[in-house]
Structure formats: structure tokens, C-alpha cells
Amino acid sequence: MAKDTVMDEVLILKFFETGPIEKVEVVYNIVNAKMRERLCGRAEERDEVAERGPVRKRQVRTNAEPSQEEAAPPPKV
């Protein structure tokens, strides 16, 4: 993170701590509304992913031993 970004964040926090309450309240309400919009957008994205189902990659067997089914002798007829 760039030093300018850190300084900006510090200035924003100082504004909320020491600024005139009327201005701080207005800015807080705006930021709160924007964050709710972003969170709703993320929730909608998650719903779309949930509708498609989870995507899983098939695991490749790494051990050299055959599974129990493969190791069992064929049934005698």
C-alpha cells in the first residue's frame, strides 16, 4: 500500500473523530448507503454462484495403492 493511501486513510479517520458532527453525520450516512449497495451486490453474486452449484476439480489419486474395490478379487461364479 502506498504511503499516500495510508495518509489519506488517517486523514479520513481524523475527520470522523474531530470534524463537525453535522458534516460527519452526513458523510457517514453516504458511506453507509454505498457500503450497503456493495454488500447487496456481493450477495447477489454469491446467489448466482449458489444456483450454478459449487465448482470442484476432480482429485487425482496420488498413492500407488489400488482402492479396495480394485484390490478385491472378482466374485467367483
N, C-alpha and C. Protein backbone atom coordinates (compact mmCIF):
# COMPACT_ATOMS: atom_id res chain seq x y z
N MET A 1 0.85 -1.17 0.00
CA MET A 1 0.00 0.00 0.00
C MET A 1 0.90 1.24 0.00
N ALA A 2 0.56 2.18 -0.82
CA ALA A 2 1.37 3.38 -0.95
C ALA A 2 1.22 4.27 0.29
N LYS A 3 2.24 5.03 0.56
CA LYS A 3 2.23 5.91 1.73
C LYS A 3 1.11 6.95 1.63
N ASP A 4 0.85 7.42 0.41
CA ASP A 4 -0.23 8.40 0.22
C ASP A 4 -1.57 7.82 0.65
N THR A 5 -1.79 6.55 0.32
CA THR A 5 -3.06 5.91 0.68
C THR A 5 -3.20 5.82 2.19
N VAL A 6 -2.14 5.48 2.87
CA VAL A 6 -2.18 5.39 4.33
C VAL A 6 -2.47 6.77 4.91
N MET A 7 -1.85 7.79 4.39
CA MET A 7 -2.09 9.15 4.89
C MET A 7 -3.54 9.55 4.65
N ASP A 8 -4.10 9.19 3.49
CA ASP A 8 -5.49 9.50 3.20
C ASP A 8 -6.41 8.83 4.22
N GLU A 9 -6.13 7.58 4.53
CA GLU A 9 -6.95 6.87 5.49
C GLU A 9 -6.88 7.51 6.87
N VAL A 10 -5.70 7.94 7.26
CA VAL A 10 -5.53 8.60 8.56
C VAL A 10 -6.32 9.91 8.58
N LEU A 11 -6.25 10.66 7.49
CA LEU A 11 -6.99 11.92 7.43
C LEU A 11 -8.50 11.68 7.50
N ILE A 12 -8.96 10.63 6.86
CA ILE A 12 -10.39 10.31 6.90
C ILE A 12 -10.81 9.95 8.33
N LEU A 13 -10.00 9.14 8.99
CA LEU A 13 -10.32 8.78 10.38
C LEU A 13 -10.33 10.02 11.28
N LYS A 14 -9.36 10.91 11.08
CA LYS A 14 -9.32 12.14 11.88
C LYS A 14 -10.56 12.99 11.63
N PHE A 15 -11.03 13.01 10.36
CA PHE A 15 -12.24 13.76 10.04
C PHE A 15 -13.42 13.21 10.85
N PHE A 16 -13.56 11.90 10.88
CA PHE A 16 -14.68 11.31 11.62
C PHE A 16 -14.55 11.52 13.12
N GLU A 17 -13.33 11.59 13.62
CA GLU A 17 -13.13 11.78 15.06
C GLU A 17 -13.28 13.24 15.50
N THR A 18 -12.83 14.17 14.65
CA THR A 18 -12.75 15.56 15.12
C THR A 18 -13.59 16.55 14.32
N GLY A 19 -14.20 16.11 13.21
CA GLY A 19 -14.95 17.02 12.37
C GLY A 19 -16.25 17.47 13.00
N PRO A 20 -16.86 18.50 12.43
CA PRO A 20 -18.15 18.96 12.93
C PRO A 20 -19.18 17.83 12.79
N ILE A 21 -19.91 17.58 13.86
CA ILE A 21 -20.81 16.43 13.91
C ILE A 21 -21.82 16.43 12.76
N GLU A 22 -22.28 17.60 12.35
CA GLU A 22 -23.27 17.67 11.27
C GLU A 22 -22.68 17.13 9.96
N LYS A 23 -21.45 17.54 9.66
CA LYS A 23 -20.79 17.08 8.43
C LYS A 23 -20.44 15.60 8.53
N VAL A 24 -19.94 15.19 9.69
CA VAL A 24 -19.56 13.80 9.88
C VAL A 24 -20.78 12.90 9.71
N GLU A 25 -21.90 13.31 10.25
CA GLU A 25 -23.12 12.52 10.14
C GLU A 25 -23.56 12.35 8.68
N VAL A 26 -23.50 13.43 7.92
CA VAL A 26 -23.90 13.37 6.51
C VAL A 26 -22.97 12.45 5.73
N VAL A 27 -21.68 12.60 5.93
CA VAL A 27 -20.70 11.76 5.21
C VAL A 27 -20.86 10.30 5.63
N TYR A 28 -21.06 10.06 6.92
CA TYR A 28 -21.24 8.70 7.40
C TYR A 28 -22.46 8.04 6.73
N ASN A 29 -23.55 8.76 6.65
CA ASN A 29 -24.76 8.21 6.03
C ASN A 29 -24.54 7.87 4.56
N ILE A 30 -23.79 8.72 3.87
CA ILE A 30 -23.49 8.46 2.46
C ILE A 30 -22.63 7.20 2.33
N VAL A 31 -21.58 7.12 3.14
CA VAL A 31 -20.69 5.95 3.09
C VAL A 31 -21.45 4.69 3.47
N ASN A 32 -22.30 4.77 4.47
CA ASN A 32 -23.08 3.63 4.91
C ASN A 32 -23.99 3.12 3.78
N ALA A 33 -24.65 4.03 3.08
CA ALA A 33 -25.53 3.65 1.97
C ALA A 33 -24.73 2.98 0.85
N LYS A 34 -23.57 3.53 0.53
CA LYS A 34 -22.74 2.96 -0.53
C LYS A 34 -22.24 1.56 -0.16
N MET A 35 -21.86 1.38 1.09
CA MET A 35 -21.39 0.06 1.52
C MET A 35 -22.52 -0.96 1.49
N ARG A 36 -23.72 -0.56 1.84
CA ARG A 36 -24.87 -1.48 1.76
C ARG A 36 -25.11 -1.91 0.31
N GLU A 37 -24.97 -0.97 -0.63
CA GLU A 37 -25.11 -1.30 -2.05
C GLU A 37 -24.07 -2.33 -2.47
N ARG A 38 -22.84 -2.11 -2.02
CA ARG A 38 -21.76 -3.05 -2.38
C ARG A 38 -22.01 -4.43 -1.79
N LEU A 39 -22.47 -4.47 -0.54
CA LEU A 39 -22.72 -5.75 0.11
C LEU A 39 -23.89 -6.48 -0.57
N CYS A 40 -24.90 -5.74 -0.99
CA CYS A 40 -26.02 -6.37 -1.71
C CYS A 40 -25.53 -6.94 -3.03
N GLY A 41 -24.65 -6.23 -3.71
CA GLY A 41 -24.09 -6.72 -4.96
C GLY A 41 -23.31 -8.00 -4.76
N ARG A 42 -22.56 -8.08 -3.70
CA ARG A 42 -21.80 -9.30 -3.41
C ARG A 42 -22.74 -10.45 -3.08
N ALA A 43 -23.81 -10.16 -2.34
CA ALA A 43 -24.77 -11.21 -2.00
C ALA A 43 -25.44 -11.75 -3.26
N GLU A 44 -25.75 -10.88 -4.20
CA GLU A 44 -26.36 -11.33 -5.46
C GLU A 44 -25.39 -12.20 -6.24
N GLU A 45 -24.10 -11.84 -6.24
CA GLU A 45 -23.09 -12.65 -6.92
C GLU A 45 -23.01 -14.03 -6.29
N ARG A 46 -23.06 -14.08 -4.96
CA ARG A 46 -23.00 -15.36 -4.26
C ARG A 46 -24.22 -16.20 -4.59
N ASP A 47 -25.40 -15.57 -4.70
CA ASP A 47 -26.61 -16.31 -5.06
C ASP A 47 -26.49 -16.92 -6.44
N GLU A 48 -25.90 -16.18 -7.38
CA GLU A 48 -25.71 -16.71 -8.73
C GLU A 48 -24.78 -17.92 -8.70
N VAL A 49 -23.74 -17.85 -7.92
CA VAL A 49 -22.81 -18.97 -7.81
C VAL A 49 -23.51 -20.15 -7.15
N ALA A 50 -24.34 -19.89 -6.15
CA ALA A 50 -25.04 -20.96 -5.47
C ALA A 50 -26.02 -21.66 -6.40
N GLU A 51 -26.65 -20.93 -7.31
CA GLU A 51 -27.58 -21.53 -8.26
C GLU A 51 -26.85 -22.47 -9.21
N ARG A 52 -25.64 -22.11 -9.60
CA ARG A 52 -24.88 -22.96 -10.52
C ARG A 52 -24.30 -24.17 -9.80
N GLY A 53 -24.16 -24.06 -8.50
CA GLY A 53 -23.58 -25.14 -7.71
C GLY A 53 -22.09 -24.94 -7.56
N PRO A 54 -21.52 -25.61 -6.59
CA PRO A 54 -20.09 -25.44 -6.37
C PRO A 54 -19.29 -26.07 -7.50
N VAL A 55 -18.18 -25.46 -7.78
CA VAL A 55 -17.29 -25.98 -8.82
C VAL A 55 -16.14 -26.68 -8.12
N ARG A 56 -16.02 -27.97 -8.38
CA ARG A 56 -14.94 -28.73 -7.75
C ARG A 56 -14.11 -29.40 -8.83
N LYS A 57 -12.83 -29.39 -8.60
CA LYS A 57 -11.95 -30.09 -9.51
C LYS A 57 -11.85 -31.54 -9.05
N ARG A 58 -11.71 -32.42 -10.00
CA ARG A 58 -11.59 -33.82 -9.67
C ARG A 58 -10.20 -34.09 -9.11
N GLN A 59 -10.16 -34.79 -8.00
CA GLN A 59 -8.88 -35.08 -7.37
C GLN A 59 -8.24 -36.29 -8.05
N VAL A 60 -6.95 -36.20 -8.25
CA VAL A 60 -6.19 -37.28 -8.86
C VAL A 60 -5.59 -38.11 -7.74
N ARG A 61 -5.68 -39.40 -7.87
CA ARG A 61 -5.10 -40.27 -6.85
C ARG A 61 -3.59 -40.15 -6.89
N THR A 62 -3.00 -39.94 -5.75
CA THR A 62 -1.55 -39.80 -5.71
C THR A 62 -0.88 -41.02 -5.10
N ASN A 63 -1.64 -41.86 -4.39
CA ASN A 63 -0.98 -43.01 -3.77
C ASN A 63 -0.92 -44.16 -4.77
N ALA A 64 0.04 -45.04 -4.58
CA ALA A 64 0.26 -46.13 -5.52
C ALA A 64 -0.62 -47.34 -5.19
N GLU A 65 -1.27 -47.36 -4.03
CA GLU A 65 -2.10 -48.49 -3.66
C GLU A 65 -3.44 -48.42 -4.39
N PRO A 66 -3.92 -49.55 -4.88
CA PRO A 66 -5.24 -49.54 -5.52
C PRO A 66 -6.32 -49.43 -4.45
N SER A 67 -7.48 -48.95 -4.84
CA SER A 67 -8.58 -48.84 -3.89
C SER A 67 -9.03 -50.24 -3.50
N GLN A 68 -9.88 -50.34 -2.48
CA GLN A 68 -10.35 -51.64 -2.02
C GLN A 68 -11.13 -52.35 -3.11
N GLU A 69 -11.90 -51.60 -3.87
CA GLU A 69 -12.67 -52.20 -4.95
C GLU A 69 -11.75 -52.80 -6.01
N GLU A 70 -10.68 -52.08 -6.34
CA GLU A 70 -9.76 -52.54 -7.36
C GLU A 70 -8.92 -53.73 -6.86
N ALA A 71 -8.60 -53.74 -5.56
CA ALA A 71 -7.74 -54.77 -5.00
C ALA A 71 -8.50 -56.06 -4.71
N ALA A 72 -9.83 -55.97 -4.54
CA ALA A 72 -10.61 -57.16 -4.21
C ALA A 72 -10.66 -58.10 -5.41
N PRO A 73 -10.55 -59.41 -5.17
CA PRO A 73 -10.63 -60.35 -6.29
C PRO A 73 -12.06 -60.37 -6.85
N PRO A 74 -12.19 -60.67 -8.13
CA PRO A 74 -13.54 -60.70 -8.73
C PRO A 74 -14.37 -61.81 -8.08
N PRO A 75 -15.67 -61.59 -7.97
CA PRO A 75 -16.51 -62.63 -7.34
C PRO A 75 -16.49 -63.90 -8.18
N LYS A 76 -16.49 -65.05 -7.49
CA LYS A 76 -16.48 -66.34 -8.18
C LYS A 76 -17.90 -66.68 -8.59
N VAL A 77 -18.03 -67.17 -9.79
CA VAL A 77 -19.35 -67.52 -10.32
C VAL A 77 -19.50 -69.01 -10.39
